[in-house]
Amino acid sequence: MAEVVEVNVKDIEIANNAVKLAQEMVKRGYQAKQIMPKVKKVLKKINLPFSAKDAYVAARIRLKARDKFGPLAEKLFFDESGYRYSTPSIIADYRAKRLKDYYVADVSCGAGMQLAFFGFRCKRAEGVEINKKRAFLAAMNIVSLNSNSTVYWGDAFKFETSAEVIFSDPARPESEKFRSFSTLQPNPINIMKKFEGKIFVFELPPQMPPERVTIKGEKEYTSLNFKLNRLALYTGNLSTCNVSAISLPSCERVTDLDERAKLEKGELKDLIAEVDRTVVHSNLLENLVGKLGLDAKIVYMDGRRTLLSVNELKNSAFLRYYRVLSIAKSFSECKEKLKEVGAKKVTLRFEIPPDKYWSVRKELEKELNGEKRVDLFKINEKFVICSKL
């Protein structure tokens, strides 16, 4: 059986005051051993399993969470693991909008961010979490955000629900060579057996290509600000195609049902388009080109970056356009060409070891006195200097 986790507004106010105090002390340079005794006094009357250490951790997370959650970050309570795997607010809201007509049960709700947005958008929302402390954090976030959701502490496989849609964002190892269903907890196959007859939505590791997702349904890859961020699998009535890609915040979408355009290799021209890796990873590049009616040739492709030579600009959140300013055959020639085009700052857009990035960039920039910010690609062993359009 699962137990309802109840949290009252007064306890949230106390917890929030404790976290804010810890935040201010962290900003002023105090160490944990100096912060926690003062925070402990604030938490003296709280009726939640929320300690001074929990408040300190939550405070440090809030200081870095604004990029992920915007202004909501100042209301949230996380532990490190809950924060690492939590869904960014833009994606959580988009996902909730897709499920807005349904009663949804999140059977691995973690710290509750996605559940909170289900509560904002859906007919009804409830979540269950097996980790007791995280279940309380989820309930705290639900109350803090004033979401119309219910949190339960318990085992998903002993949880009973009348929900129409079962949502699960299973935990996964921090790193493994190949992502697979077998290492996900709770395992999606077992969730489908437990809640047989329901509609399912699973968040899966985005590194999984479409062919490795063996459950039938729509595999939707999500790009957030031009970076692959999420993979969701929708079954039943929620499935609209086999594979799709969505770009957020624009909500531009491409699917395997869009007309494909055959792409061939070509020569570098004056305009190039960098393709969002999300589209390439989901095998939808030809569908995107076909949908846009883009006259394009492939000039470079590796595991991280795909560049197209194009004759015109077609508006798309999945493409970033650049004008070629100059081409150099060697590093030394590249330095001279950068001076000729009036460069000042150079962003490297080719494969380079992270520990060498800044040393190479400084070497390129050290004698530049122009005004332009340029992007430097490496295509077929040539340095291609570009300006972003």
Protein backbone atom coordinates (compact mmCIF):
# COMPACT_ATOMS: atom_id res chain seq x y z
CA MET A 1 0.00 0.00 0.00
CA ALA A 2 1.08 3.58 -0.61
CA GLU A 3 0.69 6.35 1.96
CA VAL A 4 -0.38 9.92 1.13
CA VAL A 5 2.40 12.37 1.99
CA GLU A 6 0.87 15.37 3.73
CA VAL A 7 2.68 18.68 3.99
CA ASN A 8 1.21 21.92 5.33
CA VAL A 9 1.92 25.49 4.26
CA LYS A 10 3.38 26.48 7.65
CA ASP A 11 6.08 23.79 7.40
CA ILE A 12 6.89 24.93 3.87
CA GLU A 13 7.36 28.50 5.14
CA ILE A 14 9.74 27.27 7.84
CA ALA A 15 11.69 25.12 5.37
CA ASN A 16 11.87 27.98 2.88
CA ASN A 17 13.17 30.40 5.53
CA ALA A 18 15.87 27.87 6.43
CA VAL A 19 16.94 27.42 2.82
CA LYS A 20 17.00 31.20 2.22
CA LEU A 21 19.19 31.70 5.29
CA ALA A 22 21.57 29.01 4.03
CA GLN A 23 21.62 30.64 0.58
CA GLU A 24 22.60 34.03 1.99
CA MET A 25 25.34 32.52 4.13
CA VAL A 26 26.71 30.52 1.17
CA LYS A 27 26.82 33.72 -0.92
CA ARG A 28 28.74 35.45 1.87
CA GLY A 29 31.34 32.68 1.89
CA TYR A 30 30.40 30.75 5.04
CA GLN A 31 31.19 27.04 5.23
CA ALA A 32 28.68 24.23 5.91
CA LYS A 33 29.84 23.78 9.53
CA GLN A 34 29.08 27.46 10.19
CA ILE A 35 25.75 27.45 8.32
CA MET A 36 24.02 24.35 9.63
CA PRO A 37 23.84 25.27 13.36
CA LYS A 38 22.02 28.51 12.48
CA VAL A 39 19.73 26.74 10.01
CA LYS A 40 18.96 24.09 12.62
CA LYS A 41 17.50 26.75 14.90
CA VAL A 42 15.12 27.90 12.15
CA LEU A 43 13.97 24.31 11.61
CA LYS A 44 13.32 23.70 15.31
CA LYS A 45 9.51 23.65 14.96
CA ILE A 46 9.21 21.93 11.58
CA ASN A 47 7.14 18.73 11.37
CA LEU A 48 8.88 17.29 8.32
CA PRO A 49 11.88 15.00 7.76
CA PHE A 50 13.87 18.01 6.57
CA SER A 51 17.17 18.57 8.35
CA ALA A 52 19.70 21.40 8.45
CA LYS A 53 21.85 19.41 6.02
CA ASP A 54 18.85 19.04 3.67
CA ALA A 55 18.33 22.80 3.79
CA TYR A 56 22.01 23.44 3.08
CA VAL A 57 21.96 21.09 0.05
CA ALA A 58 18.71 22.65 -1.21
CA ALA A 59 20.24 26.12 -0.84
CA ARG A 60 23.30 25.24 -2.91
CA ILE A 61 21.07 23.71 -5.59
CA ARG A 62 18.83 26.79 -5.76
CA LEU A 63 21.89 28.91 -6.49
CA LYS A 64 22.50 26.96 -9.72
CA ALA A 65 18.92 25.96 -10.61
CA ARG A 66 17.67 29.16 -12.25
CA ASP A 67 18.81 28.10 -15.74
CA LYS A 68 16.81 24.90 -15.38
CA PHE A 69 13.70 26.24 -13.63
CA GLY A 70 13.69 30.00 -14.08
CA PRO A 71 12.09 32.01 -11.23
CA LEU A 72 10.51 28.82 -9.85
CA ALA A 73 13.96 27.81 -8.58
CA GLU A 74 13.50 30.01 -5.49
CA LYS A 75 10.55 27.88 -4.37
CA LEU A 76 12.02 24.40 -4.89
CA PHE A 77 13.47 21.74 -2.58
CA PHE A 78 15.94 19.18 -3.97
CA ASP A 79 18.60 16.70 -2.98
CA GLU A 80 21.48 16.25 -5.45
CA SER A 81 20.09 13.18 -7.21
CA GLY A 82 16.57 14.58 -7.40
CA TYR A 83 17.90 17.76 -8.99
CA ARG A 84 20.20 15.97 -11.45
CA TYR A 85 17.35 13.93 -12.94
CA SER A 86 14.58 16.50 -12.59
CA THR A 87 12.80 17.73 -15.72
CA PRO A 88 13.45 21.34 -16.78
CA SER A 89 10.32 23.45 -16.37
CA ILE A 90 9.96 24.20 -20.11
CA ILE A 91 9.92 20.48 -20.92
CA ALA A 92 7.73 19.60 -17.94
CA ASP A 93 5.15 22.14 -19.07
CA TYR A 94 5.24 20.94 -22.68
CA ARG A 95 4.82 17.31 -21.56
CA ALA A 96 1.89 18.25 -19.33
CA LYS A 97 0.19 20.06 -22.21
CA ARG A 98 0.40 16.88 -24.31
CA LEU A 99 -1.38 15.01 -21.52
CA LYS A 100 -3.79 17.78 -20.51
CA ASP A 101 -6.98 15.82 -21.32
CA TYR A 102 -6.07 12.90 -19.05
CA TYR A 103 -5.93 11.75 -15.46
CA VAL A 104 -2.21 10.99 -15.01
CA ALA A 105 -0.30 8.90 -12.48
CA ASP A 106 3.47 9.45 -12.25
CA VAL A 107 4.74 6.17 -10.82
CA SER A 108 8.35 7.28 -10.24
CA CYS A 109 7.84 10.94 -9.45
CA GLY A 110 11.21 11.71 -7.82
CA ALA A 111 11.28 15.23 -6.40
CA GLY A 112 8.03 16.02 -8.20
CA MET A 113 8.79 18.65 -10.88
CA GLN A 114 7.01 16.87 -13.71
CA LEU A 115 4.20 15.91 -11.34
CA ALA A 116 3.74 19.56 -10.38
CA PHE A 117 3.17 20.51 -14.02
CA PHE A 118 0.75 17.61 -14.47
CA GLY A 119 -1.15 19.18 -11.59
CA PHE A 120 -1.19 22.54 -13.39
CA ARG A 121 -2.41 21.19 -16.74
CA CYS A 122 -4.07 17.77 -16.48
CA LYS A 123 -7.56 16.69 -15.39
CA ARG A 124 -6.07 15.05 -12.31
CA ALA A 125 -2.56 14.10 -11.21
CA GLU A 126 -0.98 11.87 -8.61
CA GLY A 127 2.51 10.51 -8.08
CA VAL A 128 4.21 7.75 -6.13
CA GLU A 129 7.84 7.65 -5.02
CA ILE A 130 9.59 4.72 -3.31
CA ASN A 131 12.29 6.83 -1.63
CA LYS A 132 10.69 8.32 1.50
CA LYS A 133 12.83 11.47 1.73
CA ARG A 134 12.34 12.21 -1.96
CA ALA A 135 8.60 11.62 -1.63
CA PHE A 136 8.54 14.34 1.04
CA LEU A 137 10.59 16.65 -1.18
CA ALA A 138 8.05 16.05 -3.95
CA ALA A 139 5.18 16.90 -1.61
CA MET A 140 7.02 20.01 -0.45
CA ASN A 141 7.49 21.13 -4.06
CA ILE A 142 3.84 20.44 -4.85
CA VAL A 143 2.68 22.63 -1.96
CA SER A 144 5.31 25.30 -2.59
CA LEU A 145 4.24 25.59 -6.24
CA ASN A 146 0.53 25.35 -5.37
CA SER A 147 0.06 22.44 -7.77
CA ASN A 148 -3.11 20.37 -7.74
CA SER A 149 -1.32 17.02 -7.35
CA THR A 150 -1.19 14.27 -4.72
CA VAL A 151 2.04 12.53 -3.63
CA TYR A 152 2.23 8.98 -2.25
CA TRP A 153 5.15 7.24 -0.60
CA GLY A 154 5.31 3.63 -1.69
CA ASP A 155 6.25 0.98 -4.24
CA ALA A 156 4.89 1.58 -7.74
CA PHE A 157 4.25 -2.15 -8.10
CA LYS A 158 1.90 -2.07 -5.09
CA PHE A 159 0.23 1.16 -6.14
CA GLU A 160 -3.38 1.12 -7.33
CA THR A 161 -4.78 3.90 -9.48
CA SER A 162 -7.70 4.74 -11.76
CA ALA A 163 -5.51 7.02 -13.89
CA GLU A 164 -5.88 6.78 -17.66
CA VAL A 165 -2.20 7.52 -18.33
CA ILE A 166 0.77 6.02 -16.51
CA PHE A 167 3.85 8.22 -16.68
CA SER A 168 7.29 7.06 -15.59
CA ASP A 169 10.71 8.70 -15.67
CA PRO A 170 12.81 5.79 -14.38
CA ALA A 171 16.15 6.17 -12.65
CA ARG A 172 19.20 5.02 -14.60
CA PRO A 173 22.92 4.53 -13.93
CA GLU A 174 24.91 7.76 -14.19
CA SER A 175 26.96 6.27 -17.02
CA GLU A 176 26.98 3.12 -19.12
CA LYS A 177 28.30 2.29 -22.59
CA PHE A 178 24.90 1.49 -24.08
CA ARG A 179 21.59 2.61 -22.59
CA SER A 180 18.96 -0.15 -22.38
CA PHE A 181 15.66 -1.00 -20.69
CA SER A 182 17.30 -3.59 -18.43
CA THR A 183 19.08 -0.98 -16.26
CA LEU A 184 16.10 1.36 -15.82
CA GLN A 185 14.34 1.41 -12.45
CA PRO A 186 11.42 0.83 -12.45
CA ASN A 187 11.73 -1.17 -15.64
CA PRO A 188 9.21 0.05 -18.29
CA ILE A 189 8.35 -3.51 -19.35
CA ASN A 190 7.40 -4.41 -15.78
CA ILE A 191 5.42 -1.17 -15.38
CA MET A 192 3.39 -2.08 -18.49
CA LYS A 193 2.64 -5.53 -17.03
CA LYS A 194 1.61 -4.06 -13.68
CA PHE A 195 -0.72 -1.42 -15.20
CA GLU A 196 -1.95 -3.44 -18.16
CA GLY A 197 -4.59 -1.71 -20.29
CA LYS A 198 -3.42 1.85 -19.57
CA ILE A 199 -1.82 4.42 -21.89
CA PHE A 200 1.89 4.80 -21.12
CA VAL A 201 4.41 7.62 -21.37
CA PHE A 202 8.03 6.83 -20.52
CA GLU A 203 10.99 9.16 -20.28
CA LEU A 204 13.92 7.17 -21.67
CA PRO A 205 17.65 7.93 -21.97
CA PRO A 206 17.89 10.31 -24.96
CA GLN A 207 21.09 8.58 -26.10
CA MET A 208 18.97 5.60 -27.20
CA PRO A 209 18.46 5.72 -31.00
CA PRO A 210 14.94 4.86 -32.28
CA GLU A 211 15.89 1.32 -33.30
CA ARG A 212 16.83 0.40 -29.72
CA VAL A 213 13.41 1.38 -28.32
CA THR A 214 11.52 -1.90 -28.59
CA ILE A 215 8.15 -0.79 -27.16
CA LYS A 216 5.67 0.24 -29.85
CA GLY A 217 4.74 3.92 -29.82
CA GLU A 218 5.91 7.41 -30.73
CA LYS A 219 9.52 8.12 -29.85
CA GLU A 220 9.72 11.88 -29.32
CA TYR A 221 13.18 13.43 -29.02
CA THR A 222 13.23 16.83 -27.34
CA SER A 223 15.74 19.56 -28.06
CA LEU A 224 16.09 22.31 -25.49
CA ASN A 225 17.91 25.38 -26.80
CA PHE A 226 19.50 23.40 -29.66
CA LYS A 227 20.67 20.50 -27.48
CA LEU A 228 19.30 16.95 -27.24
CA ASN A 229 17.70 16.78 -23.80
CA ARG A 230 14.93 14.18 -23.54
CA LEU A 231 13.37 11.14 -25.19
CA ALA A 232 9.73 10.36 -24.42
CA LEU A 233 7.83 7.28 -25.58
CA TYR A 234 4.06 7.71 -26.03
CA THR A 235 1.78 4.71 -26.48
CA GLY A 236 -1.87 4.22 -27.38
CA ASN A 237 -3.91 7.29 -28.35
CA LEU A 238 -0.97 9.57 -27.54
CA SER A 239 1.16 8.09 -30.32
CA THR A 240 0.87 10.16 -33.53
CA CYS A 241 3.77 8.72 -35.56
CA ASN A 242 6.79 6.44 -35.15
CA VAL A 243 9.51 9.05 -34.49
CA SER A 244 9.32 12.80 -33.87
CA ALA A 245 11.55 15.64 -32.75
CA ILE A 246 10.39 18.77 -30.95
CA SER A 247 12.44 21.94 -30.45
CA LEU A 248 11.75 23.95 -27.31
CA PRO A 249 10.88 26.66 -26.58
CA SER A 250 9.74 27.21 -30.20
CA CYS A 251 7.66 23.97 -30.34
CA GLU A 252 8.73 23.37 -33.96
CA ARG A 253 8.18 19.70 -34.78
CA VAL A 254 9.32 17.23 -37.44
CA THR A 255 8.21 13.59 -37.76
CA ASP A 256 8.91 10.50 -39.84
CA LEU A 257 5.59 11.21 -41.62
CA ASP A 258 7.03 14.39 -43.16
CA GLU A 259 8.20 13.99 -46.75
CA ARG A 260 11.84 12.93 -46.99
CA ALA A 261 14.33 14.67 -49.25
CA LYS A 262 17.33 12.64 -50.39
CA LEU A 263 20.53 14.23 -49.14
CA GLU A 264 23.87 13.89 -50.90
CA LYS A 265 27.38 15.10 -50.16
CA GLY A 266 28.37 18.41 -51.70
CA GLU A 267 30.94 21.18 -51.79
CA LEU A 268 31.24 24.01 -49.30
CA LYS A 269 29.54 27.24 -50.43
CA ASP A 270 28.92 30.70 -48.97
CA LEU A 271 26.17 29.59 -46.58
CA ILE A 272 26.24 26.66 -44.16
CA ALA A 273 23.62 25.38 -41.74
CA GLU A 274 24.48 23.57 -38.51
CA VAL A 275 21.81 20.95 -37.74
CA ASP A 276 20.48 20.35 -34.23
CA ARG A 277 21.91 16.96 -33.19
CA THR A 278 18.42 15.97 -32.00
CA VAL A 279 17.22 15.75 -35.62
CA VAL A 280 20.21 13.67 -36.74
CA HIS A 281 20.07 11.35 -33.72
CA SER A 282 16.38 10.64 -34.36
CA ASN A 283 17.08 9.87 -38.06
CA LEU A 284 14.86 12.77 -39.17
CA LEU A 285 17.35 14.93 -41.05
CA GLU A 286 15.95 14.06 -44.48
CA ASN A 287 12.41 14.66 -43.17
CA LEU A 288 13.41 18.11 -41.90
CA VAL A 289 15.02 19.06 -45.20
CA GLY A 290 11.98 17.78 -47.08
CA LYS A 291 9.52 19.59 -44.81
CA LEU A 292 11.39 22.88 -45.21
CA GLY A 293 11.96 22.45 -48.94
CA LEU A 294 15.62 23.21 -48.29
CA ASP A 295 18.16 22.97 -51.11
CA ALA A 296 21.05 21.44 -49.18
CA LYS A 297 24.09 19.17 -49.41
CA ILE A 298 26.03 17.50 -46.59
CA VAL A 299 29.52 18.99 -46.22
CA TYR A 300 30.40 17.49 -42.83
CA MET A 301 28.98 14.89 -40.47
CA ASP A 302 30.34 13.16 -37.38
CA GLY A 303 28.85 11.93 -34.10
CA ARG A 304 28.46 15.47 -32.74
CA ARG A 305 28.00 17.86 -35.62
CA THR A 306 26.28 17.94 -39.02
CA LEU A 307 26.86 20.81 -41.44
CA LEU A 308 24.92 21.47 -44.62
CA SER A 309 25.82 23.69 -47.54
CA VAL A 310 22.67 25.66 -48.46
CA ASN A 311 21.63 28.12 -51.15
CA GLU A 312 18.99 29.96 -49.10
CA LEU A 313 17.76 30.48 -45.57
CA LYS A 314 14.66 28.64 -44.35
CA ASN A 315 13.44 29.58 -40.90
CA SER A 316 13.80 26.64 -38.48
CA ALA A 317 14.72 26.25 -34.81
CA PHE A 318 16.56 23.06 -35.82
CA LEU A 319 19.06 25.00 -37.95
CA ARG A 320 21.71 27.61 -37.22
CA TYR A 321 23.01 29.50 -40.23
CA TYR A 322 26.49 30.88 -40.87
CA ARG A 323 28.09 32.89 -43.69
CA VAL A 324 31.53 31.70 -44.75
CA LEU A 325 34.02 34.59 -44.46
CA SER A 326 37.27 32.81 -45.27
CA ILE A 327 38.92 29.38 -45.53
CA ALA A 328 42.42 28.41 -44.35
CA LYS A 329 44.41 25.27 -45.06
CA SER A 330 46.54 25.40 -41.90
CA PHE A 331 46.49 26.73 -38.34
CA SER A 332 49.05 29.43 -39.11
CA GLU A 333 47.12 30.53 -42.21
CA CYS A 334 43.94 30.56 -40.09
CA LYS A 335 45.53 33.11 -37.73
CA GLU A 336 46.28 35.40 -40.67
CA LYS A 337 42.80 34.97 -42.17
CA LEU A 338 41.22 35.87 -38.82
CA LYS A 339 43.07 39.19 -38.91
CA GLU A 340 41.95 39.80 -42.50
CA VAL A 341 38.26 39.36 -41.68
CA GLY A 342 38.46 41.69 -38.66
CA ALA A 343 37.92 39.08 -35.96
CA LYS A 344 38.26 39.74 -32.23
CA LYS A 345 36.67 36.69 -30.55
CA VAL A 346 36.72 33.14 -31.95
CA THR A 347 34.33 30.35 -30.92
CA LEU A 348 35.73 26.93 -31.80
CA ARG A 349 33.13 24.64 -33.34
CA PHE A 350 35.12 21.52 -34.04
CA GLU A 351 36.25 18.48 -32.07
CA ILE A 352 38.95 19.41 -29.57
CA PRO A 353 39.89 17.99 -26.13
CA PRO A 354 38.19 20.12 -23.45
CA ASP A 355 41.49 20.76 -21.66
CA LYS A 356 42.95 22.30 -24.85
CA TYR A 357 39.99 24.44 -25.90
CA TRP A 358 41.01 27.66 -24.17
CA SER A 359 44.71 27.40 -24.95
CA VAL A 360 43.94 27.00 -28.67
CA ARG A 361 41.39 29.79 -28.58
CA LYS A 362 43.79 32.16 -26.80
CA GLU A 363 46.49 31.36 -29.35
CA LEU A 364 44.10 32.29 -32.17
CA GLU A 365 42.89 35.49 -30.49
CA LYS A 366 46.13 36.87 -29.06
CA GLU A 367 47.00 39.16 -32.00
CA LEU A 368 43.47 40.02 -33.13
CA ASN A 369 42.35 43.65 -32.95
CA GLY A 370 39.17 43.61 -35.03
CA GLU A 371 35.59 43.86 -33.80
CA LYS A 372 33.87 40.70 -35.07
CA ARG A 373 32.88 37.60 -33.14
CA VAL A 374 33.39 34.65 -35.48
CA ASP A 375 32.83 30.90 -35.42
CA LEU A 376 35.54 28.52 -36.56
CA PHE A 377 34.64 25.15 -38.07
CA LYS A 378 36.98 22.47 -39.37
CA ILE A 379 35.68 20.86 -42.56
CA ASN A 380 37.74 18.33 -44.52
CA GLU A 381 40.91 19.44 -42.69
CA LYS A 382 40.29 23.08 -43.61
CA PHE A 383 39.58 25.88 -41.13
CA VAL A 384 36.34 27.63 -42.10
CA ILE A 385 35.82 31.08 -40.58
CA CYS A 386 32.15 32.06 -40.35
CA SER A 387 29.83 34.70 -38.97
CA LYS A 388 26.58 33.54 -37.41
CA LEU A 389 23.40 34.78 -39.12
